[in-house]
Amino acid sequence: MPAPRSTPALPEGTVLGSSATVVQFSSAFCQPCRATRRTVRAVVDDMATTGVVVIDVDADENLDVARAWNISATPTLVFLDADGCEVHRGSGQPRRVDVIASLGRAIG
């Protein structure tokens, strides 16, 4: 039997979605991070799928969390399934279709 996969630590009090979770690692003065945040929120709202949670992690303020996730650039999006296991990740400002496809993989 394969070893269970685990999710690295997130900031205290973080709650994962029951269907999927999108973790966005950003930084305060990152313009592509702001655009990415808008794109992700719009896709989640348009999909109208319940149980999807978007978590925004400031990589500068949560350096230990960013290191645990091996984040080397912002924005970075990490898509988790209902079990909290990573199914996809990408860095840079994504296209809307890429967010839709990645979220679809996470939801299953």
PDB file of N, CA and C in Angstrom:
ATOM      1  N   MET A   1       0.851  -1.170   0.000  1.00  0.00           N
ATOM      2  CA  MET A   1       0.000   0.000   0.000  1.00  0.00           C
ATOM      3  C   MET A   1       0.897   1.234   0.000  1.00  0.00           C
ATOM      4  N   PRO A   2       0.593   2.246  -0.859  1.00  0.00           N
ATOM      5  CA  PRO A   2       1.425   3.444  -0.894  1.00  0.00           C
ATOM      6  C   PRO A   2       1.272   4.259   0.384  1.00  0.00           C
ATOM      7  N   ALA A   3       2.317   5.000   0.715  1.00  0.00           N
ATOM      8  CA  ALA A   3       2.270   5.856   1.897  1.00  0.00           C
ATOM      9  C   ALA A   3       1.266   6.975   1.670  1.00  0.00           C
ATOM     10  N   PRO A   4       0.544   7.369   2.711  1.00  0.00           N
ATOM     11  CA  PRO A   4      -0.411   8.459   2.542  1.00  0.00           C
ATOM     12  C   PRO A   4       0.315   9.761   2.232  1.00  0.00           C
ATOM     13  N   ARG A   5      -0.308  10.564   1.363  1.00  0.00           N
ATOM     14  CA  ARG A   5       0.266  11.865   1.040  1.00  0.00           C
ATOM     15  C   ARG A   5      -0.179  12.861   2.102  1.00  0.00           C
ATOM     16  N   SER A   6       0.671  13.831   2.385  1.00  0.00           N
ATOM     17  CA  SER A   6       0.287  14.835   3.366  1.00  0.00           C
ATOM     18  C   SER A   6       0.474  16.228   2.788  1.00  0.00           C
ATOM     19  N   THR A   7      -0.244  17.163   3.352  1.00  0.00           N
ATOM     20  CA  THR A   7      -0.179  18.554   2.936  1.00  0.00           C
ATOM     21  C   THR A   7       0.760  19.278   3.880  1.00  0.00           C
ATOM     22  N   PRO A   8       1.725  20.048   3.341  1.00  0.00           N
ATOM     23  CA  PRO A   8       2.570  20.846   4.236  1.00  0.00           C
ATOM     24  C   PRO A   8       1.726  21.813   5.054  1.00  0.00           C
ATOM     25  N   ALA A   9       2.325  22.358   6.080  1.00  0.00           N
ATOM     26  CA  ALA A   9       1.618  23.269   6.987  1.00  0.00           C
ATOM     27  C   ALA A   9       1.110  24.509   6.273  1.00  0.00           C
ATOM     28  N   LEU A  10      -0.010  25.013   6.757  1.00  0.00           N
ATOM     29  CA  LEU A  10      -0.580  26.280   6.314  1.00  0.00           C
ATOM     30  C   LEU A  10      -0.690  27.175   7.545  1.00  0.00           C
ATOM     31  N   PRO A  11      -0.929  28.468   7.361  1.00  0.00           N
ATOM     32  CA  PRO A  11      -1.066  29.336   8.532  1.00  0.00           C
ATOM     33  C   PRO A  11      -2.121  28.814   9.500  1.00  0.00           C
ATOM     34  N   GLU A  12      -1.884  29.041  10.777  1.00  0.00           N
ATOM     35  CA  GLU A  12      -2.779  28.554  11.821  1.00  0.00           C
ATOM     36  C   GLU A  12      -4.204  29.030  11.574  1.00  0.00           C
ATOM     37  N   GLY A  13      -5.154  28.130  11.776  1.00  0.00           N
ATOM     38  CA  GLY A  13      -6.561  28.451  11.607  1.00  0.00           C
ATOM     39  C   GLY A  13      -7.087  28.253  10.196  1.00  0.00           C
ATOM     40  N   THR A  14      -6.225  27.840   9.271  1.00  0.00           N
ATOM     41  CA  THR A  14      -6.645  27.628   7.890  1.00  0.00           C
ATOM     42  C   THR A  14      -7.542  26.399   7.798  1.00  0.00           C
ATOM     43  N   VAL A  15      -8.649  26.543   7.085  1.00  0.00           N
ATOM     44  CA  VAL A  15      -9.590  25.442   6.881  1.00  0.00           C
ATOM     45  C   VAL A  15      -9.617  25.116   5.389  1.00  0.00           C
ATOM     46  N   LEU A  16      -9.446  23.839   5.059  1.00  0.00           N
ATOM     47  CA  LEU A  16      -9.480  23.395   3.663  1.00  0.00           C
ATOM     48  C   LEU A  16     -10.918  23.207   3.197  1.00  0.00           C
ATOM     49  N   GLY A  17     -11.125  23.298   1.886  1.00  0.00           N
ATOM     50  CA  GLY A  17     -12.446  23.107   1.316  1.00  0.00           C
ATOM     51  C   GLY A  17     -12.861  21.649   1.317  1.00  0.00           C
ATOM     52  N   SER A  18     -14.150  21.407   1.342  1.00  0.00           N
ATOM     53  CA  SER A  18     -14.650  20.029   1.339  1.00  0.00           C
ATOM     54  C   SER A  18     -14.587  19.413  -0.059  1.00  0.00           C
ATOM     55  N   SER A  19     -14.540  20.238  -1.116  1.00  0.00           N
ATOM     56  CA  SER A  19     -14.422  19.741  -2.486  1.00  0.00           C
ATOM     57  C   SER A  19     -13.029  19.941  -3.051  1.00  0.00           C
ATOM     58  N   ALA A  20     -12.467  21.121  -2.811  1.00  0.00           N
ATOM     59  CA  ALA A  20     -11.133  21.461  -3.317  1.00  0.00           C
ATOM     60  C   ALA A  20     -10.661  22.727  -2.620  1.00  0.00           C
ATOM     61  N   THR A  21      -9.348  22.950  -2.683  1.00  0.00           N
ATOM     62  CA  THR A  21      -8.752  24.144  -2.102  1.00  0.00           C
ATOM     63  C   THR A  21      -7.742  24.700  -3.090  1.00  0.00           C
ATOM     64  N   VAL A  22      -7.754  26.012  -3.249  1.00  0.00           N
ATOM     65  CA  VAL A  22      -6.752  26.699  -4.049  1.00  0.00           C
ATOM     66  C   VAL A  22      -5.923  27.541  -3.084  1.00  0.00           C
ATOM     67  N   VAL A  23      -4.629  27.262  -3.020  1.00  0.00           N
ATOM     68  CA  VAL A  23      -3.731  28.030  -2.167  1.00  0.00           C
ATOM     69  C   VAL A  23      -2.924  28.949  -3.075  1.00  0.00           C
ATOM     70  N   GLN A  24      -3.056  30.263  -2.863  1.00  0.00           N
ATOM     71  CA  GLN A  24      -2.276  31.218  -3.635  1.00  0.00           C
ATOM     72  C   GLN A  24      -1.207  31.818  -2.736  1.00  0.00           C
ATOM     73  N   PHE A  25       0.046  31.639  -3.145  1.00  0.00           N
ATOM     74  CA  PHE A  25       1.161  32.277  -2.474  1.00  0.00           C
ATOM     75  C   PHE A  25       1.457  33.565  -3.217  1.00  0.00           C
ATOM     76  N   SER A  26       1.394  34.697  -2.516  1.00  0.00           N
ATOM     77  CA  SER A  26       1.616  35.986  -3.126  1.00  0.00           C
ATOM     78  C   SER A  26       2.508  36.836  -2.240  1.00  0.00           C
ATOM     79  N   SER A  27       2.791  38.039  -2.708  1.00  0.00           N
ATOM     80  CA  SER A  27       3.526  39.012  -1.916  1.00  0.00           C
ATOM     81  C   SER A  27       2.871  40.373  -2.090  1.00  0.00           C
ATOM     82  N   ALA A  28       3.092  41.253  -1.151  1.00  0.00           N
ATOM     83  CA  ALA A  28       2.350  42.508  -1.059  1.00  0.00           C
ATOM     84  C   ALA A  28       2.448  43.392  -2.298  1.00  0.00           C
ATOM     85  N   PHE A  29       3.610  43.524  -2.878  1.00  0.00           N
ATOM     86  CA  PHE A  29       3.782  44.464  -3.989  1.00  0.00           C
ATOM     87  C   PHE A  29       3.824  43.773  -5.340  1.00  0.00           C
ATOM     88  N   CYS A  30       3.242  42.611  -5.433  1.00  0.00           N
ATOM     89  CA  CYS A  30       3.258  41.807  -6.654  1.00  0.00           C
ATOM     90  C   CYS A  30       1.985  42.078  -7.459  1.00  0.00           C
ATOM     91  N   GLN A  31       2.114  42.826  -8.560  1.00  0.00           N
ATOM     92  CA  GLN A  31       0.945  43.132  -9.400  1.00  0.00           C
ATOM     93  C   GLN A  31       0.335  41.861 -10.018  1.00  0.00           C
ATOM     94  N   PRO A  32       1.140  40.926 -10.544  1.00  0.00           N
ATOM     95  CA  PRO A  32       0.534  39.693 -11.066  1.00  0.00           C
ATOM     96  C   PRO A  32      -0.225  38.902  -9.999  1.00  0.00           C
ATOM     97  N   CYS A  33       0.176  39.058  -8.742  1.00  0.00           N
ATOM     98  CA  CYS A  33      -0.537  38.366  -7.655  1.00  0.00           C
ATOM     99  C   CYS A  33      -1.955  38.897  -7.526  1.00  0.00           C
ATOM    100  N   ARG A  34      -2.111  40.208  -7.651  1.00  0.00           N
ATOM    101  CA  ARG A  34      -3.447  40.809  -7.560  1.00  0.00           C
ATOM    102  C   ARG A  34      -4.330  40.347  -8.710  1.00  0.00           C
ATOM    103  N   ALA A  35      -3.765  40.328  -9.903  1.00  0.00           N
ATOM    104  CA  ALA A  35      -4.530  39.876 -11.072  1.00  0.00           C
ATOM    105  C   ALA A  35      -4.896  38.396 -10.941  1.00  0.00           C
ATOM    106  N   THR A  36      -3.961  37.611 -10.433  1.00  0.00           N
ATOM    107  CA  THR A  36      -4.218  36.182 -10.229  1.00  0.00           C
ATOM    108  C   THR A  36      -5.338  35.984  -9.227  1.00  0.00           C
ATOM    109  N   ARG A  37      -5.319  36.749  -8.149  1.00  0.00           N
ATOM    110  CA  ARG A  37      -6.370  36.652  -7.127  1.00  0.00           C
ATOM    111  C   ARG A  37      -7.745  36.924  -7.737  1.00  0.00           C
ATOM    112  N   ARG A  38      -7.827  37.956  -8.578  1.00  0.00           N
ATOM    113  CA  ARG A  38      -9.115  38.276  -9.231  1.00  0.00           C
ATOM    114  C   ARG A  38      -9.562  37.145 -10.155  1.00  0.00           C
ATOM    115  N   THR A  39      -8.631  36.591 -10.916  1.00  0.00           N
ATOM    116  CA  THR A  39      -8.966  35.503 -11.841  1.00  0.00           C
ATOM    117  C   THR A  39      -9.475  34.286 -11.088  1.00  0.00           C
ATOM    118  N   VAL A  40      -8.767  33.890 -10.038  1.00  0.00           N
ATOM    119  CA  VAL A  40      -9.159  32.708  -9.261  1.00  0.00           C
ATOM    120  C   VAL A  40     -10.535  32.922  -8.633  1.00  0.00           C
ATOM    121  N   ARG A  41     -10.752  34.073  -8.023  1.00  0.00           N
ATOM    122  CA  ARG A  41     -12.059  34.353  -7.393  1.00  0.00           C
ATOM    123  C   ARG A  41     -13.181  34.308  -8.436  1.00  0.00           C
ATOM    124  N   ALA A  42     -12.948  34.882  -9.603  1.00  0.00           N
ATOM    125  CA  ALA A  42     -13.970  34.888 -10.651  1.00  0.00           C
ATOM    126  C   ALA A  42     -14.294  33.476 -11.110  1.00  0.00           C
ATOM    127  N   VAL A  43     -13.277  32.643 -11.285  1.00  0.00           N
ATOM    128  CA  VAL A  43     -13.504  31.262 -11.715  1.00  0.00           C
ATOM    129  C   VAL A  43     -14.290  30.504 -10.657  1.00  0.00           C
ATOM    130  N   VAL A  44     -13.886  30.628  -9.403  1.00  0.00           N
ATOM    131  CA  VAL A  44     -14.593  29.920  -8.322  1.00  0.00           C
ATOM    132  C   VAL A  44     -16.041  30.395  -8.249  1.00  0.00           C
ATOM    133  N   ASP A  45     -16.266  31.691  -8.362  1.00  0.00           N
ATOM    134  CA  ASP A  45     -17.640  32.218  -8.325  1.00  0.00           C
ATOM    135  C   ASP A  45     -18.457  31.729  -9.519  1.00  0.00           C
ATOM    136  N   ASP A  46     -17.856  31.721 -10.709  1.00  0.00           N
ATOM    137  CA  ASP A  46     -18.567  31.286 -11.916  1.00  0.00           C
ATOM    138  C   ASP A  46     -18.894  29.799 -11.898  1.00  0.00           C
ATOM    139  N   MET A  47     -18.015  28.995 -11.303  1.00  0.00           N
ATOM    140  CA  MET A  47     -18.247  27.550 -11.265  1.00  0.00           C
ATOM    141  C   MET A  47     -19.393  27.201 -10.328  1.00  0.00           C
ATOM    142  N   ALA A  48     -19.627  28.038  -9.343  1.00  0.00           N
ATOM    143  CA  ALA A  48     -20.716  27.830  -8.381  1.00  0.00           C
ATOM    144  C   ALA A  48     -20.677  26.431  -7.766  1.00  0.00           C
ATOM    145  N   THR A  49     -19.473  25.925  -7.569  1.00  0.00           N
ATOM    146  CA  THR A  49     -19.301  24.624  -6.930  1.00  0.00           C
ATOM    147  C   THR A  49     -19.145  24.847  -5.431  1.00  0.00           C
ATOM    148  N   THR A  50     -19.931  24.149  -4.644  1.00  0.00           N
ATOM    149  CA  THR A  50     -19.818  24.317  -3.203  1.00  0.00           C
ATOM    150  C   THR A  50     -18.602  23.555  -2.690  1.00  0.00           C
ATOM    151  N   GLY A  51     -18.066  24.047  -1.600  1.00  0.00           N
ATOM    152  CA  GLY A  51     -16.963  23.359  -0.956  1.00  0.00           C
ATOM    153  C   GLY A  51     -15.588  23.713  -1.475  1.00  0.00           C
ATOM    154  N   VAL A  52     -15.477  24.749  -2.321  1.00  0.00           N
ATOM    155  CA  VAL A  52     -14.175  25.195  -2.805  1.00  0.00           C
ATOM    156  C   VAL A  52     -13.741  26.394  -1.972  1.00  0.00           C
ATOM    157  N   VAL A  53     -12.549  26.294  -1.416  1.00  0.00           N
ATOM    158  CA  VAL A  53     -12.009  27.361  -0.586  1.00  0.00           C
ATOM    159  C   VAL A  53     -10.754  27.900  -1.252  1.00  0.00           C
ATOM    160  N   VAL A  54     -10.612  29.236  -1.239  1.00  0.00           N
ATOM    161  CA  VAL A  54      -9.407  29.890  -1.744  1.00  0.00           C
ATOM    162  C   VAL A  54      -8.665  30.465  -0.545  1.00  0.00           C
ATOM    163  N   ILE A  55      -7.401  30.100  -0.428  1.00  0.00           N
ATOM    164  CA  ILE A  55      -6.565  30.559   0.683  1.00  0.00           C
ATOM    165  C   ILE A  55      -5.443  31.405   0.099  1.00  0.00           C
ATOM    166  N   ASP A  56      -5.305  32.619   0.595  1.00  0.00           N
ATOM    167  CA  ASP A  56      -4.238  33.511   0.144  1.00  0.00           C
ATOM    168  C   ASP A  56      -3.171  33.566   1.231  1.00  0.00           C
ATOM    169  N   VAL A  57      -1.962  33.161   0.884  1.00  0.00           N
ATOM    170  CA  VAL A  57      -0.855  33.141   1.839  1.00  0.00           C
ATOM    171  C   VAL A  57       0.171  34.176   1.396  1.00  0.00           C
ATOM    172  N   ASP A  58       0.442  35.157   2.241  1.00  0.00           N
ATOM    173  CA  ASP A  58       1.490  36.134   1.972  1.00  0.00           C
ATOM    174  C   ASP A  58       2.822  35.439   2.234  1.00  0.00           C
ATOM    175  N   ALA A  59       3.570  35.205   1.166  1.00  0.00           N
ATOM    176  CA  ALA A  59       4.823  34.452   1.274  1.00  0.00           C
ATOM    177  C   ALA A  59       5.862  35.184   2.115  1.00  0.00           C
ATOM    178  N   ASP A  60       5.830  36.516   2.111  1.00  0.00           N
ATOM    179  CA  ASP A  60       6.785  37.282   2.910  1.00  0.00           C
ATOM    180  C   ASP A  60       6.480  37.181   4.397  1.00  0.00           C
ATOM    181  N   GLU A  61       5.204  37.248   4.744  1.00  0.00           N
ATOM    182  CA  GLU A  61       4.802  37.186   6.152  1.00  0.00           C
ATOM    183  C   GLU A  61       4.788  35.762   6.695  1.00  0.00           C
ATOM    184  N   ASN A  62       4.734  34.775   5.813  1.00  0.00           N
ATOM    185  CA  ASN A  62       4.684  33.362   6.212  1.00  0.00           C
ATOM    186  C   ASN A  62       5.817  32.605   5.527  1.00  0.00           C
ATOM    187  N   LEU A  63       7.028  33.079   5.731  1.00  0.00           N
ATOM    188  CA  LEU A  63       8.191  32.517   5.056  1.00  0.00           C
ATOM    189  C   LEU A  63       8.380  31.036   5.366  1.00  0.00           C
ATOM    190  N   ASP A  64       8.114  30.629   6.606  1.00  0.00           N
ATOM    191  CA  ASP A  64       8.246  29.217   6.963  1.00  0.00           C
ATOM    192  C   ASP A  64       7.255  28.349   6.193  1.00  0.00           C
ATOM    193  N   VAL A  65       6.043  28.862   5.988  1.00  0.00           N
ATOM    194  CA  VAL A  65       5.035  28.129   5.223  1.00  0.00           C
ATOM    195  C   VAL A  65       5.455  28.050   3.755  1.00  0.00           C
ATOM    196  N   ALA A  66       5.905  29.170   3.200  1.00  0.00           N
ATOM    197  CA  ALA A  66       6.350  29.190   1.804  1.00  0.00           C
ATOM    198  C   ALA A  66       7.502  28.216   1.587  1.00  0.00           C
ATOM    199  N   ARG A  67       8.420  28.164   2.518  1.00  0.00           N
ATOM    200  CA  ARG A  67       9.553  27.222   2.405  1.00  0.00           C
ATOM    201  C   ARG A  67       9.085  25.780   2.484  1.00  0.00           C
ATOM    202  N   ALA A  68       8.118  25.507   3.365  1.00  0.00           N
ATOM    203  CA  ALA A  68       7.604  24.138   3.502  1.00  0.00           C
ATOM    204  C   ALA A  68       6.950  23.667   2.203  1.00  0.00           C
ATOM    205  N   TRP A  69       6.390  24.599   1.447  1.00  0.00           N
ATOM    206  CA  TRP A  69       5.737  24.282   0.176  1.00  0.00           C
ATOM    207  C   TRP A  69       6.692  24.409  -1.008  1.00  0.00           C
ATOM    208  N   ASN A  70       7.961  24.745  -0.747  1.00  0.00           N
ATOM    209  CA  ASN A  70       8.975  24.932  -1.807  1.00  0.00           C
ATOM    210  C   ASN A  70       8.562  26.006  -2.809  1.00  0.00           C
ATOM    211  N   ILE A  71       8.073  27.123  -2.296  1.00  0.00           N
ATOM    212  CA  ILE A  71       7.657  28.241  -3.144  1.00  0.00           C
ATOM    213  C   ILE A  71       8.879  29.093  -3.464  1.00  0.00           C
ATOM    214  N   SER A  72       9.137  29.291  -4.753  1.00  0.00           N
ATOM    215  CA  SER A  72      10.301  30.079  -5.157  1.00  0.00           C
ATOM    216  C   SER A  72       9.912  31.348  -5.914  1.00  0.00           C
ATOM    217  N   ALA A  73       8.628  31.514  -6.233  1.00  0.00           N
ATOM    218  CA  ALA A  73       8.170  32.694  -6.966  1.00  0.00           C
ATOM    219  C   ALA A  73       6.708  32.971  -6.616  1.00  0.00           C
ATOM    220  N   THR A  74       6.333  34.238  -6.749  1.00  0.00           N
ATOM    221  CA  THR A  74       4.930  34.597  -6.576  1.00  0.00           C
ATOM    222  C   THR A  74       4.459  35.288  -7.849  1.00  0.00           C
ATOM    223  N   PRO A  75       3.216  35.063  -8.224  1.00  0.00           N
ATOM    224  CA  PRO A  75       2.247  34.189  -7.575  1.00  0.00           C
ATOM    225  C   PRO A  75       2.494  32.716  -7.912  1.00  0.00           C
ATOM    226  N   THR A  76       2.197  31.876  -6.961  1.00  0.00           N
ATOM    227  CA  THR A  76       2.168  30.430  -7.183  1.00  0.00           C
ATOM    228  C   THR A  76       0.822  29.928  -6.689  1.00  0.00           C
ATOM    229  N   LEU A  77       0.143  29.158  -7.520  1.00  0.00           N
ATOM    230  CA  LEU A  77      -1.130  28.535  -7.149  1.00  0.00           C
ATOM    231  C   LEU A  77      -0.906  27.051  -6.938  1.00  0.00           C
ATOM    232  N   VAL A  78      -1.455  26.534  -5.840  1.00  0.00           N
ATOM    233  CA  VAL A  78      -1.416  25.105  -5.551  1.00  0.00           C
ATOM    234  C   VAL A  78      -2.862  24.643  -5.397  1.00  0.00           C
ATOM    235  N   PHE A  79      -3.231  23.631  -6.171  1.00  0.00           N
ATOM    236  CA  PHE A  79      -4.592  23.102  -6.160  1.00  0.00           C
ATOM    237  C   PHE A  79      -4.607  21.798  -5.378  1.00  0.00           C
ATOM    238  N   LEU A  80      -5.469  21.730  -4.377  1.00  0.00           N
ATOM    239  CA  LEU A  80      -5.588  20.550  -3.520  1.00  0.00           C
ATOM    240  C   LEU A  80      -6.948  19.896  -3.731  1.00  0.00           C
ATOM    241  N   ASP A  81      -6.975  18.571  -3.651  1.00  0.00           N
ATOM    242  CA  ASP A  81      -8.249  17.858  -3.758  1.00  0.00           C
ATOM    243  C   ASP A  81      -8.973  17.870  -2.413  1.00  0.00           C
ATOM    244  N   ALA A  82     -10.073  17.164  -2.324  1.00  0.00           N
ATOM    245  CA  ALA A  82     -10.875  17.143  -1.097  1.00  0.00           C
ATOM    246  C   ALA A  82     -10.118  16.563   0.091  1.00  0.00           C
ATOM    247  N   ASP A  83      -9.110  15.730  -0.176  1.00  0.00           N
ATOM    248  CA  ASP A  83      -8.301  15.142   0.890  1.00  0.00           C
ATOM    249  C   ASP A  83      -7.125  16.027   1.278  1.00  0.00           C
ATOM    250  N   GLY A  84      -6.975  17.172   0.612  1.00  0.00           N
ATOM    251  CA  GLY A  84      -5.864  18.069   0.915  1.00  0.00           C
ATOM    252  C   GLY A  84      -4.570  17.692   0.229  1.00  0.00           C
ATOM    253  N   CYS A  85      -4.648  16.821  -0.774  1.00  0.00           N
ATOM    254  CA  CYS A  85      -3.459  16.394  -1.514  1.00  0.00           C
ATOM    255  C   CYS A  85      -3.274  17.262  -2.752  1.00  0.00           C
ATOM    256  N   GLU A  86      -2.038  17.645  -3.016  1.00  0.00           N
ATOM    257  CA  GLU A  86      -1.735  18.487  -4.163  1.00  0.00           C
ATOM    258  C   GLU A  86      -1.974  17.730  -5.462  1.00  0.00           C
ATOM    259  N   VAL A  87      -2.733  18.353  -6.367  1.00  0.00           N
ATOM    260  CA  VAL A  87      -2.990  17.748  -7.676  1.00  0.00           C
ATOM    261  C   VAL A  87      -2.366  18.554  -8.807  1.00  0.00           C
ATOM    262  N   HIS A  88      -2.081  19.837  -8.547  1.00  0.00           N
ATOM    263  CA  HIS A  88      -1.457  20.671  -9.577  1.00  0.00           C
ATOM    264  C   HIS A  88      -0.892  21.920  -8.925  1.00  0.00           C
ATOM    265  N   ARG A  89       0.145  22.470  -9.592  1.00  0.00           N
ATOM    266  CA  ARG A  89       0.733  23.723  -9.129  1.00  0.00           C
ATOM    267  C   ARG A  89       1.263  24.481 -10.328  1.00  0.00           C
ATOM    268  N   GLY A  90       1.265  25.794 -10.242  1.00  0.00           N
ATOM    269  CA  GLY A  90       1.804  26.623 -11.309  1.00  0.00           C
ATOM    270  C   GLY A  90       2.243  27.968 -10.771  1.00  0.00           C
ATOM    271  N   SER A  91       3.280  28.529 -11.368  1.00  0.00           N
ATOM    272  CA  SER A  91       3.780  29.839 -10.972  1.00  0.00           C
ATOM    273  C   SER A  91       3.547  30.835 -12.096  1.00  0.00           C
ATOM    274  N   GLY A  92       3.428  32.091 -11.735  1.00  0.00           N
ATOM    275  CA  GLY A  92       3.164  33.137 -12.709  1.00  0.00           C
ATOM    276  C   GLY A  92       1.674  33.369 -12.833  1.00  0.00           C
ATOM    277  N   GLN A  93       1.319  34.419 -13.554  1.00  0.00           N
ATOM    278  CA  GLN A  93      -0.090  34.768 -13.722  1.00  0.00           C
ATOM    279  C   GLN A  93      -0.754  33.787 -14.679  1.00  0.00           C
ATOM    280  N   PRO A  94      -1.737  33.018 -14.199  1.00  0.00           N
ATOM    281  CA  PRO A  94      -2.364  31.999 -15.048  1.00  0.00           C
ATOM    282  C   PRO A  94      -3.450  32.575 -15.953  1.00  0.00           C
ATOM    283  N   ARG A  95      -3.711  31.849 -17.022  1.00  0.00           N
ATOM    284  CA  ARG A  95      -4.870  32.172 -17.848  1.00  0.00           C
ATOM    285  C   ARG A  95      -6.110  31.579 -17.168  1.00  0.00           C
ATOM    286  N   ARG A  96      -7.230  32.169 -17.434  1.00  0.00           N
ATOM    287  CA  ARG A  96      -8.499  31.699 -16.856  1.00  0.00           C
ATOM    288  C   ARG A  96      -8.733  30.218 -17.161  1.00  0.00           C
ATOM    289  N   VAL A  97      -8.460  29.790 -18.399  1.00  0.00           N
ATOM    290  CA  VAL A  97      -8.695  28.396 -18.779  1.00  0.00           C
ATOM    291  C   VAL A  97      -7.801  27.446 -17.986  1.00  0.00           C
ATOM    292  N   ASP A  98      -6.600  27.899 -17.627  1.00  0.00           N
ATOM    293  CA  ASP A  98      -5.703  27.061 -16.831  1.00  0.00           C
ATOM    294  C   ASP A  98      -6.230  26.877 -15.410  1.00  0.00           C
ATOM    295  N   VAL A  99      -6.791  27.943 -14.851  1.00  0.00           N
ATOM    296  CA  VAL A  99      -7.375  27.850 -13.511  1.00  0.00           C
ATOM    297  C   VAL A  99      -8.583  26.916 -13.541  1.00  0.00           C
ATOM    298  N   ILE A 100      -9.412  27.030 -14.568  1.00  0.00           N
ATOM    299  CA  ILE A 100     -10.589  26.158 -14.695  1.00  0.00           C
ATOM    300  C   ILE A 100     -10.157  24.694 -14.787  1.00  0.00           C
ATOM    301  N   ALA A 101      -9.157  24.412 -15.628  1.00  0.00           N
ATOM    302  CA  ALA A 101      -8.687  23.033 -15.802  1.00  0.00           C
ATOM    303  C   ALA A 101      -8.083  22.481 -14.507  1.00  0.00           C
ATOM    304  N   SER A 102      -7.281  23.284 -13.827  1.00  0.00           N
ATOM    305  CA  SER A 102      -6.628  22.830 -12.606  1.00  0.00           C
ATOM    306  C   SER A 102      -7.648  22.608 -11.477  1.00  0.00           C
ATOM    307  N   LEU A 103      -8.616  23.487 -11.393  1.00  0.00           N
ATOM    308  CA  LEU A 103      -9.659  23.323 -10.384  1.00  0.00           C
ATOM    309  C   LEU A 103     -10.511  22.104 -10.694  1.00  0.00           C
ATOM    310  N   GLY A 104     -10.764  21.866 -11.977  1.00  0.00           N
ATOM    311  CA  GLY A 104     -11.506  20.668 -12.381  1.00  0.00           C
ATOM    312  C   GLY A 104     -10.782  19.398 -11.962  1.00  0.00           C
ATOM    313  N   ARG A 105      -9.462  19.373 -12.110  1.00  0.00           N
ATOM    314  CA  ARG A 105      -8.674  18.218 -11.667  1.00  0.00           C
ATOM    315  C   ARG A 105      -8.769  18.030 -10.156  1.00  0.00           C
ATOM    316  N   ALA A 106      -8.745  19.146  -9.436  1.00  0.00           N
ATOM    317  CA  ALA A 106      -8.802  19.065  -7.971  1.00  0.00           C
ATOM    318  C   ALA A 106     -10.158  18.555  -7.492  1.00  0.00           C
ATOM    319  N   ILE A 107     -11.222  18.983  -8.170  1.00  0.00           N
ATOM    320  CA  ILE A 107     -12.565  18.556  -7.769  1.00  0.00           C
ATOM    321  C   ILE A 107     -12.803  17.102  -8.179  1.00  0.00           C
ATOM    322  N   GLY A 108     -12.202  16.717  -9.302  1.00  0.00           N
ATOM    323  CA  GLY A 108     -12.319  15.331  -9.738  1.00  0.00           C
ATOM    324  C   GLY A 108     -13.427  15.168 -10.648  1.00  0.00           C
TER     325      GLY A 108
END
